[in-house]
Amino acid sequence: MDQATGFYTQPVNTDEWIDGCGCQIEKYIPAKQRIGVDGQIQTYNYTVFIPKHWSGNLELTALMEITGEDGSKDEFPIQGVDNFNRKYIEVWG
C-alpha cells in the first residue's frame, strides 16, 4: 500500500486487477435482499464503501476482490453501484 495515497498497487507483471484502496466492508449473513425499481429481488452478502477520491471502473457483473483486516479474501460480482452519495461510492454484491 502506498502510504501517501492509501492506494494498493498491483504487481507490475499482471493487469488482471485495477488498483484499489482502503475501504469499509460490511458482510451480511444471511444474505441481504434489495428490491430494484423494476421489481427484481437482488440478494447479496457484501456492501463496500469506497472513498469518493478513488477513480476506477466499477462495472456491473465485474469481479471485485476484497481483503479483510485479518487477511481473508473473497471475490464477488458487482450487482449494484451507488455513486450519488457525497461521502463514498457504495458497491454491493
PDB file of N, CA and C in Angstrom:
ATOM      1  N   MET A   1       0.855  -1.179   0.000  1.00  0.00           N
ATOM      2  CA  MET A   1       0.000   0.000   0.000  1.00  0.00           C
ATOM      3  C   MET A   1       0.899   1.240   0.000  1.00  0.00           C
ATOM      4  N   ASP A   2       0.542   2.195  -0.821  1.00  0.00           N
ATOM      5  CA  ASP A   2       1.252   3.460  -0.871  1.00  0.00           C
ATOM      6  C   ASP A   2       0.792   4.307   0.317  1.00  0.00           C
ATOM      7  N   GLN A   3       1.694   4.609   1.235  1.00  0.00           N
ATOM      8  CA  GLN A   3       1.333   5.341   2.451  1.00  0.00           C
ATOM      9  C   GLN A   3       0.856   6.767   2.158  1.00  0.00           C
ATOM     10  N   ALA A   4       1.335   7.367   1.088  1.00  0.00           N
ATOM     11  CA  ALA A   4       0.961   8.739   0.771  1.00  0.00           C
ATOM     12  C   ALA A   4      -0.482   8.850   0.268  1.00  0.00           C
ATOM     13  N   THR A   5      -0.916   7.861  -0.530  1.00  0.00           N
ATOM     14  CA  THR A   5      -2.243   7.940  -1.143  1.00  0.00           C
ATOM     15  C   THR A   5      -3.258   6.998  -0.528  1.00  0.00           C
ATOM     16  N   GLY A   6      -2.807   5.916   0.129  1.00  0.00           N
ATOM     17  CA  GLY A   6      -3.728   4.925   0.664  1.00  0.00           C
ATOM     18  C   GLY A   6      -4.168   3.897  -0.363  1.00  0.00           C
ATOM     19  N   PHE A   7      -3.626   3.968  -1.577  1.00  0.00           N
ATOM     20  CA  PHE A   7      -3.992   3.031  -2.622  1.00  0.00           C
ATOM     21  C   PHE A   7      -3.131   1.784  -2.561  1.00  0.00           C
ATOM     22  N   TYR A   8      -3.741   0.649  -2.877  1.00  0.00           N
ATOM     23  CA  TYR A   8      -2.995  -0.587  -3.047  1.00  0.00           C
ATOM     24  C   TYR A   8      -2.611  -0.674  -4.511  1.00  0.00           C
ATOM     25  N   THR A   9      -1.420  -1.129  -4.785  1.00  0.00           N
ATOM     26  CA  THR A   9      -0.977  -1.218  -6.168  1.00  0.00           C
ATOM     27  C   THR A   9      -0.787  -2.672  -6.560  1.00  0.00           C
ATOM     28  N   GLN A  10      -1.090  -2.959  -7.806  1.00  0.00           N
ATOM     29  CA  GLN A  10      -0.983  -4.326  -8.301  1.00  0.00           C
ATOM     30  C   GLN A  10       0.442  -4.640  -8.722  1.00  0.00           C
ATOM     31  N   PRO A  11       0.788  -5.922  -8.801  1.00  0.00           N
ATOM     32  CA  PRO A  11       2.122  -6.289  -9.285  1.00  0.00           C
ATOM     33  C   PRO A  11       2.338  -5.797 -10.711  1.00  0.00           C
ATOM     34  N   VAL A  12       3.578  -5.510 -11.053  1.00  0.00           N
ATOM     35  CA  VAL A  12       3.902  -4.963 -12.375  1.00  0.00           C
ATOM     36  C   VAL A  12       3.634  -5.973 -13.482  1.00  0.00           C
ATOM     37  N   ASN A  13       3.755  -7.273 -13.201  1.00  0.00           N
ATOM     38  CA  ASN A  13       3.682  -8.288 -14.251  1.00  0.00           C
ATOM     39  C   ASN A  13       2.260  -8.717 -14.617  1.00  0.00           C
ATOM     40  N   THR A  14       1.237  -8.116 -14.062  1.00  0.00           N
ATOM     41  CA  THR A  14      -0.128  -8.517 -14.401  1.00  0.00           C
ATOM     42  C   THR A  14      -1.035  -7.291 -14.488  1.00  0.00           C
ATOM     43  N   ASP A  15      -2.061  -7.399 -15.321  1.00  0.00           N
ATOM     44  CA  ASP A  15      -3.041  -6.314 -15.408  1.00  0.00           C
ATOM     45  C   ASP A  15      -4.440  -6.843 -15.107  1.00  0.00           C
ATOM     46  N   GLU A  16      -4.497  -7.916 -14.309  1.00  0.00           N
ATOM     47  CA  GLU A  16      -5.778  -8.555 -14.018  1.00  0.00           C
ATOM     48  C   GLU A  16      -6.659  -7.708 -13.120  1.00  0.00           C
ATOM     49  N   TRP A  17      -6.082  -7.021 -12.118  1.00  0.00           N
ATOM     50  CA  TRP A  17      -6.866  -6.245 -11.163  1.00  0.00           C
ATOM     51  C   TRP A  17      -6.571  -4.761 -11.287  1.00  0.00           C
ATOM     52  N   ILE A  18      -7.582  -3.932 -11.118  1.00  0.00           N
ATOM     53  CA  ILE A  18      -7.410  -2.482 -11.054  1.00  0.00           C
ATOM     54  C   ILE A  18      -6.947  -2.148  -9.641  1.00  0.00           C
ATOM     55  N   ASP A  19      -6.084  -1.151  -9.506  1.00  0.00           N
ATOM     56  CA  ASP A  19      -5.615  -0.733  -8.197  1.00  0.00           C
ATOM     57  C   ASP A  19      -6.797  -0.401  -7.292  1.00  0.00           C
ATOM     58  N   GLY A  20      -6.665  -0.716  -6.014  1.00  0.00           N
ATOM     59  CA  GLY A  20      -7.736  -0.472  -5.063  1.00  0.00           C
ATOM     60  C   GLY A  20      -7.298   0.487  -3.975  1.00  0.00           C
ATOM     61  N   CYS A  21      -8.087   0.569  -2.918  1.00  0.00           N
ATOM     62  CA  CYS A  21      -7.771   1.437  -1.799  1.00  0.00           C
ATOM     63  C   CYS A  21      -8.424   0.892  -0.542  1.00  0.00           C
ATOM     64  N   GLY A  22      -8.064   1.449   0.591  1.00  0.00           N
ATOM     65  CA  GLY A  22      -8.686   1.065   1.846  1.00  0.00           C
ATOM     66  C   GLY A  22     -10.136   1.501   1.854  1.00  0.00           C
ATOM     67  N   CYS A  23     -11.041   0.644   2.348  1.00  0.00           N
ATOM     68  CA  CYS A  23     -12.459   0.980   2.353  1.00  0.00           C
ATOM     69  C   CYS A  23     -13.159   0.230   3.481  1.00  0.00           C
ATOM     70  N   GLN A  24     -14.402   0.574   3.710  1.00  0.00           N
ATOM     71  CA  GLN A  24     -15.207  -0.107   4.725  1.00  0.00           C
ATOM     72  C   GLN A  24     -15.983  -1.226   4.052  1.00  0.00           C
ATOM     73  N   ILE A  25     -15.977  -2.423   4.675  1.00  0.00           N
ATOM     74  CA  ILE A  25     -16.672  -3.581   4.131  1.00  0.00           C
ATOM     75  C   ILE A  25     -17.679  -4.064   5.167  1.00  0.00           C
ATOM     76  N   GLU A  26     -18.913  -4.287   4.727  1.00  0.00           N
ATOM     77  CA  GLU A  26     -19.933  -4.866   5.592  1.00  0.00           C
ATOM     78  C   GLU A  26     -20.350  -6.201   4.981  1.00  0.00           C
ATOM     79  N   LYS A  27     -20.348  -7.249   5.809  1.00  0.00           N
ATOM     80  CA  LYS A  27     -20.707  -8.589   5.348  1.00  0.00           C
ATOM     81  C   LYS A  27     -22.005  -8.999   6.026  1.00  0.00           C
ATOM     82  N   TYR A  28     -22.938  -9.550   5.247  1.00  0.00           N
ATOM     83  CA  TYR A  28     -24.252  -9.930   5.755  1.00  0.00           C
ATOM     84  C   TYR A  28     -24.440 -11.438   5.669  1.00  0.00           C
ATOM     85  N   ILE A  29     -24.695 -12.062   6.817  1.00  0.00           N
ATOM     86  CA  ILE A  29     -25.048 -13.479   6.864  1.00  0.00           C
ATOM     87  C   ILE A  29     -26.251 -13.578   7.793  1.00  0.00           C
ATOM     88  N   PRO A  30     -27.405 -13.981   7.336  1.00  0.00           N
ATOM     89  CA  PRO A  30     -27.729 -14.405   5.975  1.00  0.00           C
ATOM     90  C   PRO A  30     -27.701 -13.225   5.001  1.00  0.00           C
ATOM     91  N   ALA A  31     -27.768 -13.557   3.734  1.00  0.00           N
ATOM     92  CA  ALA A  31     -27.673 -12.538   2.688  1.00  0.00           C
ATOM     93  C   ALA A  31     -28.788 -11.502   2.808  1.00  0.00           C
ATOM     94  N   LYS A  32     -28.466 -10.278   2.406  1.00  0.00           N
ATOM     95  CA  LYS A  32     -29.430  -9.178   2.422  1.00  0.00           C
ATOM     96  C   LYS A  32     -30.174  -9.160   1.079  1.00  0.00           C
ATOM     97  N   GLN A  33     -31.405  -8.665   1.095  1.00  0.00           N
ATOM     98  CA  GLN A  33     -32.179  -8.574  -0.135  1.00  0.00           C
ATOM     99  C   GLN A  33     -32.549  -7.132  -0.417  1.00  0.00           C
ATOM    100  N   ARG A  34     -32.510  -6.793  -1.693  1.00  0.00           N
ATOM    101  CA  ARG A  34     -32.867  -5.443  -2.139  1.00  0.00           C
ATOM    102  C   ARG A  34     -33.806  -5.593  -3.333  1.00  0.00           C
ATOM    103  N   ILE A  35     -34.900  -4.827  -3.324  1.00  0.00           N
ATOM    104  CA  ILE A  35     -35.842  -4.863  -4.439  1.00  0.00           C
ATOM    105  C   ILE A  35     -35.562  -3.659  -5.330  1.00  0.00           C
ATOM    106  N   GLY A  36     -35.286  -3.931  -6.595  1.00  0.00           N
ATOM    107  CA  GLY A  36     -34.983  -2.886  -7.556  1.00  0.00           C
ATOM    108  C   GLY A  36     -36.232  -2.151  -8.009  1.00  0.00           C
ATOM    109  N   VAL A  37     -36.059  -1.047  -8.722  1.00  0.00           N
ATOM    110  CA  VAL A  37     -37.196  -0.263  -9.216  1.00  0.00           C
ATOM    111  C   VAL A  37     -38.027  -1.056 -10.218  1.00  0.00           C
ATOM    112  N   ASP A  38     -37.419  -2.080 -10.827  1.00  0.00           N
ATOM    113  CA  ASP A  38     -38.144  -2.914 -11.773  1.00  0.00           C
ATOM    114  C   ASP A  38     -38.817  -4.107 -11.099  1.00  0.00           C
ATOM    115  N   GLY A  39     -38.721  -4.197  -9.764  1.00  0.00           N
ATOM    116  CA  GLY A  39     -39.373  -5.266  -9.028  1.00  0.00           C
ATOM    117  C   GLY A  39     -38.532  -6.508  -8.822  1.00  0.00           C
ATOM    118  N   GLN A  40     -37.341  -6.561  -9.422  1.00  0.00           N
ATOM    119  CA  GLN A  40     -36.477  -7.728  -9.246  1.00  0.00           C
ATOM    120  C   GLN A  40     -35.839  -7.708  -7.864  1.00  0.00           C
ATOM    121  N   ILE A  41     -35.719  -8.879  -7.265  1.00  0.00           N
ATOM    122  CA  ILE A  41     -35.078  -9.005  -5.960  1.00  0.00           C
ATOM    123  C   ILE A  41     -33.623  -9.419  -6.161  1.00  0.00           C
ATOM    124  N   GLN A  42     -32.711  -8.654  -5.566  1.00  0.00           N
ATOM    125  CA  GLN A  42     -31.288  -8.984  -5.609  1.00  0.00           C
ATOM    126  C   GLN A  42     -30.865  -9.421  -4.224  1.00  0.00           C
ATOM    127  N   THR A  43     -30.098 -10.480  -4.154  1.00  0.00           N
ATOM    128  CA  THR A  43     -29.573 -10.985  -2.900  1.00  0.00           C
ATOM    129  C   THR A  43     -28.070 -10.806  -2.922  1.00  0.00           C
ATOM    130  N   TYR A  44     -27.517 -10.252  -1.840  1.00  0.00           N
ATOM    131  CA  TYR A  44     -26.080 -10.007  -1.811  1.00  0.00           C
ATOM    132  C   TYR A  44     -25.547 -10.155  -0.393  1.00  0.00           C
ATOM    133  N   ASN A  45     -24.228 -10.384  -0.295  1.00  0.00           N
ATOM    134  CA  ASN A  45     -23.584 -10.579   1.003  1.00  0.00           C
ATOM    135  C   ASN A  45     -22.694  -9.425   1.423  1.00  0.00           C
ATOM    136  N   TYR A  46     -22.245  -8.609   0.497  1.00  0.00           N
ATOM    137  CA  TYR A  46     -21.293  -7.551   0.821  1.00  0.00           C
ATOM    138  C   TYR A  46     -21.782  -6.180   0.385  1.00  0.00           C
ATOM    139  N   THR A  47     -21.494  -5.190   1.203  1.00  0.00           N
ATOM    140  CA  THR A  47     -21.592  -3.791   0.815  1.00  0.00           C
ATOM    141  C   THR A  47     -20.213  -3.199   1.064  1.00  0.00           C
ATOM    142  N   VAL A  48     -19.664  -2.551   0.048  1.00  0.00           N
ATOM    143  CA  VAL A  48     -18.324  -1.963   0.145  1.00  0.00           C
ATOM    144  C   VAL A  48     -18.464  -0.461  -0.044  1.00  0.00           C
ATOM    145  N   PHE A  49     -17.933   0.309   0.909  1.00  0.00           N
ATOM    146  CA  PHE A  49     -17.982   1.770   0.850  1.00  0.00           C
ATOM    147  C   PHE A  49     -16.597   2.268   0.449  1.00  0.00           C
ATOM    148  N   ILE A  50     -16.487   2.814  -0.755  1.00  0.00           N
ATOM    149  CA  ILE A  50     -15.210   3.240  -1.331  1.00  0.00           C
ATOM    150  C   ILE A  50     -15.126   4.764  -1.242  1.00  0.00           C
ATOM    151  N   PRO A  51     -13.975   5.324  -0.814  1.00  0.00           N
ATOM    152  CA  PRO A  51     -13.842   6.779  -0.759  1.00  0.00           C
ATOM    153  C   PRO A  51     -14.069   7.416  -2.135  1.00  0.00           C
ATOM    154  N   LYS A  52     -14.678   8.599  -2.151  1.00  0.00           N
ATOM    155  CA  LYS A  52     -15.001   9.284  -3.409  1.00  0.00           C
ATOM    156  C   LYS A  52     -13.774   9.621  -4.248  1.00  0.00           C
ATOM    157  N   HIS A  53     -12.603   9.759  -3.617  1.00  0.00           N
ATOM    158  CA  HIS A  53     -11.416  10.142  -4.385  1.00  0.00           C
ATOM    159  C   HIS A  53     -10.889   9.004  -5.253  1.00  0.00           C
ATOM    160  N   TRP A  54     -11.380   7.778  -5.035  1.00  0.00           N
ATOM    161  CA  TRP A  54     -10.935   6.641  -5.848  1.00  0.00           C
ATOM    162  C   TRP A  54     -11.470   6.785  -7.251  1.00  0.00           C
ATOM    163  N   SER A  55     -10.608   6.636  -8.237  1.00  0.00           N
ATOM    164  CA  SER A  55     -11.055   6.731  -9.628  1.00  0.00           C
ATOM    165  C   SER A  55     -10.720   5.427 -10.326  1.00  0.00           C
ATOM    166  N   GLY A  56     -11.730   4.657 -10.581  1.00  0.00           N
ATOM    167  CA  GLY A  56     -11.571   3.383 -11.264  1.00  0.00           C
ATOM    168  C   GLY A  56     -12.853   3.048 -11.985  1.00  0.00           C
ATOM    169  N   ASN A  57     -12.892   1.877 -12.581  1.00  0.00           N
ATOM    170  CA  ASN A  57     -14.047   1.464 -13.361  1.00  0.00           C
ATOM    171  C   ASN A  57     -14.834   0.423 -12.577  1.00  0.00           C
ATOM    172  N   LEU A  58     -16.063   0.721 -12.209  1.00  0.00           N
ATOM    173  CA  LEU A  58     -16.921  -0.208 -11.481  1.00  0.00           C
ATOM    174  C   LEU A  58     -18.080  -0.593 -12.394  1.00  0.00           C
ATOM    175  N   GLU A  59     -17.953  -1.716 -13.059  1.00  0.00           N
ATOM    176  CA  GLU A  59     -18.978  -2.167 -13.990  1.00  0.00           C
ATOM    177  C   GLU A  59     -19.788  -3.289 -13.370  1.00  0.00           C
ATOM    178  N   LEU A  60     -21.076  -3.301 -13.649  1.00  0.00           N
ATOM    179  CA  LEU A  60     -21.932  -4.378 -13.171  1.00  0.00           C
ATOM    180  C   LEU A  60     -21.423  -5.705 -13.719  1.00  0.00           C
ATOM    181  N   THR A  61     -21.461  -6.726 -12.917  1.00  0.00           N
ATOM    182  CA  THR A  61     -21.015  -8.101 -13.175  1.00  0.00           C
ATOM    183  C   THR A  61     -19.492  -8.254 -13.182  1.00  0.00           C
ATOM    184  N   ALA A  62     -18.741  -7.164 -13.071  1.00  0.00           N
ATOM    185  CA  ALA A  62     -17.281  -7.292 -12.969  1.00  0.00           C
ATOM    186  C   ALA A  62     -16.942  -7.897 -11.610  1.00  0.00           C
ATOM    187  N   LEU A  63     -15.874  -8.661 -11.534  1.00  0.00           N
ATOM    188  CA  LEU A  63     -15.478  -9.261 -10.264  1.00  0.00           C
ATOM    189  C   LEU A  63     -14.762  -8.249  -9.391  1.00  0.00           C
ATOM    190  N   MET A  64     -15.099  -8.253  -8.112  1.00  0.00           N
ATOM    191  CA  MET A  64     -14.428  -7.401  -7.129  1.00  0.00           C
ATOM    192  C   MET A  64     -13.798  -8.322  -6.095  1.00  0.00           C
ATOM    193  N   GLU A  65     -12.538  -8.098  -5.784  1.00  0.00           N
ATOM    194  CA  GLU A  65     -11.866  -8.869  -4.744  1.00  0.00           C
ATOM    195  C   GLU A  65     -11.658  -7.971  -3.537  1.00  0.00           C
ATOM    196  N   ILE A  66     -12.020  -8.467  -2.367  1.00  0.00           N
ATOM    197  CA  ILE A  66     -11.832  -7.709  -1.134  1.00  0.00           C
ATOM    198  C   ILE A  66     -10.925  -8.499  -0.205  1.00  0.00           C
ATOM    199  N   THR A  67     -10.153  -7.770   0.591  1.00  0.00           N
ATOM    200  CA  THR A  67      -9.268  -8.375   1.578  1.00  0.00           C
ATOM    201  C   THR A  67      -9.607  -7.777   2.929  1.00  0.00           C
ATOM    202  N   GLY A  68      -9.965  -8.634   3.880  1.00  0.00           N
ATOM    203  CA  GLY A  68     -10.316  -8.180   5.215  1.00  0.00           C
ATOM    204  C   GLY A  68      -9.094  -7.827   6.036  1.00  0.00           C
ATOM    205  N   GLU A  69      -9.311  -7.207   7.190  1.00  0.00           N
ATOM    206  CA  GLU A  69      -8.208  -6.826   8.075  1.00  0.00           C
ATOM    207  C   GLU A  69      -7.417  -8.031   8.552  1.00  0.00           C
ATOM    208  N   ASP A  70      -8.072  -9.192   8.616  1.00  0.00           N
ATOM    209  CA  ASP A  70      -7.379 -10.405   9.053  1.00  0.00           C
ATOM    210  C   ASP A  70      -6.668 -11.126   7.911  1.00  0.00           C
ATOM    211  N   GLY A  71      -6.708 -10.559   6.701  1.00  0.00           N
ATOM    212  CA  GLY A  71      -6.032 -11.147   5.548  1.00  0.00           C
ATOM    213  C   GLY A  71      -6.912 -12.075   4.729  1.00  0.00           C
ATOM    214  N   SER A  72      -8.125 -12.347   5.194  1.00  0.00           N
ATOM    215  CA  SER A  72      -9.028 -13.216   4.433  1.00  0.00           C
ATOM    216  C   SER A  72      -9.485 -12.489   3.167  1.00  0.00           C
ATOM    217  N   LYS A  73      -9.655 -13.247   2.083  1.00  0.00           N
ATOM    218  CA  LYS A  73     -10.048 -12.665   0.798  1.00  0.00           C
ATOM    219  C   LYS A  73     -11.341 -13.295   0.319  1.00  0.00           C
ATOM    220  N   ASP A  74     -12.089 -12.528  -0.428  1.00  0.00           N
ATOM    221  CA  ASP A  74     -13.289 -13.031  -1.076  1.00  0.00           C
ATOM    222  C   ASP A  74     -13.449 -12.282  -2.394  1.00  0.00           C
ATOM    223  N   GLU A  75     -14.200 -12.876  -3.279  1.00  0.00           N
ATOM    224  CA  GLU A  75     -14.397 -12.318  -4.608  1.00  0.00           C
ATOM    225  C   GLU A  75     -15.873 -12.462  -4.960  1.00  0.00           C
ATOM    226  N   PHE A  76     -16.455 -11.426  -5.554  1.00  0.00           N
ATOM    227  CA  PHE A  76     -17.869 -11.482  -5.911  1.00  0.00           C
ATOM    228  C   PHE A  76     -18.127 -10.568  -7.106  1.00  0.00           C
ATOM    229  N   PRO A  77     -19.178 -10.867  -7.889  1.00  0.00           N
ATOM    230  CA  PRO A  77     -19.541  -9.977  -8.992  1.00  0.00           C
ATOM    231  C   PRO A  77     -20.301  -8.758  -8.463  1.00  0.00           C
ATOM    232  N   ILE A  78     -20.042  -7.609  -9.029  1.00  0.00           N
ATOM    233  CA  ILE A  78     -20.726  -6.373  -8.631  1.00  0.00           C
ATOM    234  C   ILE A  78     -22.169  -6.438  -9.127  1.00  0.00           C
ATOM    235  N   GLN A  79     -23.116  -6.257  -8.202  1.00  0.00           N
ATOM    236  CA  GLN A  79     -24.531  -6.285  -8.556  1.00  0.00           C
ATOM    237  C   GLN A  79     -25.148  -4.896  -8.595  1.00  0.00           C
ATOM    238  N   GLY A  80     -24.507  -3.924  -7.957  1.00  0.00           N
ATOM    239  CA  GLY A  80     -25.042  -2.572  -7.957  1.00  0.00           C
ATOM    240  C   GLY A  80     -24.011  -1.564  -7.493  1.00  0.00           C
ATOM    241  N   VAL A  81     -24.125  -0.343  -7.994  1.00  0.00           N
ATOM    242  CA  VAL A  81     -23.219   0.748  -7.637  1.00  0.00           C
ATOM    243  C   VAL A  81     -24.058   1.996  -7.393  1.00  0.00           C
ATOM    244  N   ASP A  82     -23.836   2.642  -6.251  1.00  0.00           N
ATOM    245  CA  ASP A  82     -24.487   3.913  -5.945  1.00  0.00           C
ATOM    246  C   ASP A  82     -23.388   4.959  -5.814  1.00  0.00           C
ATOM    247  N   ASN A  83     -23.245   5.807  -6.811  1.00  0.00           N
ATOM    248  CA  ASN A  83     -22.190   6.824  -6.787  1.00  0.00           C
ATOM    249  C   ASN A  83     -22.737   8.232  -6.583  1.00  0.00           C
ATOM    250  N   PHE A  84     -23.986   8.362  -6.130  1.00  0.00           N
ATOM    251  CA  PHE A  84     -24.569   9.674  -5.902  1.00  0.00           C
ATOM    252  C   PHE A  84     -24.350  10.209  -4.492  1.00  0.00           C
ATOM    253  N   ASN A  85     -23.866   9.373  -3.580  1.00  0.00           N
ATOM    254  CA  ASN A  85     -23.575   9.822  -2.227  1.00  0.00           C
ATOM    255  C   ASN A  85     -22.354  10.735  -2.254  1.00  0.00           C
ATOM    256  N   ARG A  86     -22.361  11.820  -1.488  1.00  0.00           N
ATOM    257  CA  ARG A  86     -21.236  12.772  -1.497  1.00  0.00           C
ATOM    258  C   ARG A  86     -20.024  12.277  -0.731  1.00  0.00           C
ATOM    259  N   LYS A  87     -20.192  11.309   0.182  1.00  0.00           N
ATOM    260  CA  LYS A  87     -19.093  10.856   1.015  1.00  0.00           C
ATOM    261  C   LYS A  87     -18.356   9.639   0.460  1.00  0.00           C
ATOM    262  N   TYR A  88     -19.065   8.734  -0.200  1.00  0.00           N
ATOM    263  CA  TYR A  88     -18.445   7.493  -0.645  1.00  0.00           C
ATOM    264  C   TYR A  88     -19.213   6.911  -1.825  1.00  0.00           C
ATOM    265  N   ILE A  89     -18.612   5.912  -2.471  1.00  0.00           N
ATOM    266  CA  ILE A  89     -19.259   5.129  -3.521  1.00  0.00           C
ATOM    267  C   ILE A  89     -19.662   3.818  -2.864  1.00  0.00           C
ATOM    268  N   GLU A  90     -20.908   3.441  -2.990  1.00  0.00           N
ATOM    269  CA  GLU A  90     -21.390   2.195  -2.383  1.00  0.00           C
ATOM    270  C   GLU A  90     -21.531   1.126  -3.472  1.00  0.00           C
ATOM    271  N   VAL A  91     -20.916  -0.013  -3.229  1.00  0.00           N
ATOM    272  CA  VAL A  91     -20.975  -1.140  -4.169  1.00  0.00           C
ATOM    273  C   VAL A  91     -21.528  -2.332  -3.399  1.00  0.00           C
ATOM    274  N   TRP A  92     -22.446  -3.078  -4.005  1.00  0.00           N
ATOM    275  CA  TRP A  92     -22.905  -4.290  -3.347  1.00  0.00           C
ATOM    276  C   TRP A  92     -22.830  -5.465  -4.296  1.00  0.00           C
ATOM    277  N   GLY A  93     -22.625  -6.614  -3.702  1.00  0.00           N
ATOM    278  CA  GLY A  93     -22.500  -7.848  -4.499  1.00  0.00           C
ATOM    279  C   GLY A  93     -22.446  -9.067  -3.612  1.00  0.00           C
TER     280      GLY A  93
END
